[in-house]
Amino acid sequence: MYAEMVRNVAIIAHVDHGKTTLVDQLLYQSGMFRNEELDRLAGGEYGLIMDSNPIERERGITILSKNCAIQYFDTDGTEYKINIVDTPGHADFGGEVERVLKMTDGVLLIVDAFEGPMPQTRFVLTKALQHGLKPILVVNKADRADARPDDVVNEVFDLFVDLEADDEALDFPVLFASAKEGWATADLAKPSNNLKPVYDAIIRSVPAPRVDPDRPLQMLVTTLEYSDYVGRVAIGKVFAGRLRQAQSVTVIDKAGRHTQQKVVQLYEFEGLGKKRALEVRAGDICAVAGLDPVDIGDTIACPDEPSALRVVAIDEPTMSMTFHVNNGPFAGREGKYVTSLHLRDRLYKELQTNVALRVEPGESADAYVVSGRGLMHLGILLENMRREGYEVCVGKPEVIIKMVKGYRQEPIERLVIECPAECQSAVMSLIGNRRSEMIKMDSKSGVNDYVHMEFMIPSRGLFGLNARILTATQGRAVMHHTFERYEPMRGSIPQRQAGVMIATETGTVTAYALDALYDRGVFFVRPGDEVYEGQVVGEHCKDNDIPVNPAKTKQLTNMRTSSKDDAARVRPARLMSLEVSLEYIQQDELVEVCPKSIRIRKRFLKEADRRRAARREG
């Protein structure tokens, strides 16, 4: 039977534990490609093939889940097809993980040999166990000088027990590997020089797809792609029957509505790409072109006996931001898409593929409330939009509050911080006033003595925390967090302590003006930058906002002065990235996101309007 020769497996792990690197090495060692071909596809700082998105290559993270297929021959010559799904490691992109796990029957759980299980490890493992997937533990980076593989295996086992895994799941095979060097072994005392143990573990431990080839067609759509030639391409797993080229099918959407459609083109995965197929049998993962409308969660079924598959439940968003049309003085200078219609169409288009996102109309006609999993989730959407030529203003991120039995509840996250032992007190003092609760602390002895701390903290308490932690530890701390649950509100949390400097005139920043304001604080702009009235140009050294004129020029005169040749003092500007700007702003401020610029501005640009608004609120 065909399905017996197929293995569908997802790679899951915490961020930076080596998922994508392992998939790349599996592709290199599969024998399906020439090394020159794969080298041509590799890119980014880490030379990864599967991270093909430009933002993924810049940041060194996986954002979108991706499919590839490998042909593997075992020792007796039997041919297997292994469909591999690479998933993101950041908690903000957990929706990508949740929807693709439905396609698979097993998971490779990658855990760092030094760090051990981290917050996202817990999240993805919880979802895998809920789907009844067979886990294989791969302790990666086992060649690190500070690796502690045996301790990590015990920690993972404790995590399984904590998640109430059944006896079958607890009996997971363990492999030790170095994805970067391309080797894996079941016993560190018996070294290996390839990843054959990983292939063998997948064939031996991951069950064949649980499908029924004799029943009428059923395929669940879990991913959507777009092609300029054939339009929407639906990707998913065939759970029953067979899907054929030019076949008439019934598409059942999440509301239960039926539409009769026809398969225009059918593809199966081969290596990193797809190839045309005349037929795809139950158990395999395929791509279907020509269906419209079709959405994630829809079922492609037989017209004679249409029956819908159960839709995968996606966790609700925990954070929202209001997107506004850019109404600043520089609107339209850099972007191609600047109207409310452009903004609305782009946001609703994103909903078709970004299953964890929610979009609702805002208080005004040109505003939309966009909800997502976290700051990075929404930040990546904004980064994509600015690269596409959109201009947009966004307000301060806000956590989504729920009313449960008459009480307000807020999202609580599990925060994990690892830092050198000498920085522990500085970290504790920063987190102590953010309504956090310490649940675990231990030390990791290795090349350097590190302290591992876990907290339960309100999502509100995470705004601006990362930058402060890095500053307090000279960049030596590692911080991760993931959503845990909703709990009653924990009270107020201190906001930004410093005030800001607000430009009073539109013009070009001069070194002369910055020199005169040298003692006032830190600037976000440099000489030569264009600024406008109401733009936030720096952070004040005190707790109040002050108006300044960074575009002031030196008056020309024929009088000699003793200081005419003095060099202007210009402190290096603090460059504010998109995520840092979103964490920095207050309720009366906006971040202006344009293709070439990211600016912070006041909601009301004129001083008189700001005073009037303050009187109304106060």
Foldseek 3Di string as FASTA:
>chain_A
DQLLQEAEEEEAEAKPLQQQLLVLLCLVPLPPDDPVVLQVQFDAPVRGNVQNDPVCRPVVWDQAKAWFWGWDADPVGDIHIYIYIYDTNAQQNVLRLQLCLLQHQAYEYGAEQFPAHDQSSLVSVLSNQVNVHAYAYEHEPCVDQFGNNVVNVVVVLVSCVVSVHDPRNSPHQYWYYYSNQAFIDSDPVDGDRHDVVVVVCSSPGGGRQQAEQPDWWKWAFRAWDQDPVQGIKTKTAIRYHKDFAQDWWWKQDPVRDTDIFTFHWKWFHHGRRTDTDGMDTHRGMIITTNDPPDAHGIMITHPVDDDHDDGRDDDAFWKKKKKFQDPDPCPPVFFDAGALVSVVVLVVVVCRGSVRKDWADDPDPGMIMITGHDLVSVLVSLLVQQQVGYKIKMFAMDTDWDQDPNFIKHWKKKKKKKAAPVLVVVLCVLQVQQLKAWDDWDWRDGPGIIIITIIIGTSLSVQPSVVSSCVSRVNGMDMGMHTDDIDGDRDDGDADQWAFEFEQAWDFFALVQCLVCVQQFAFQDDGGDTDHFQFGGGTGPHRYYYYGHRHDDDDDDPDDDPCPPPDRDHDDHDHADPSNLSSRDDRQKIWIRHNVDITIGGVDRHPVVVVVVVVVVD
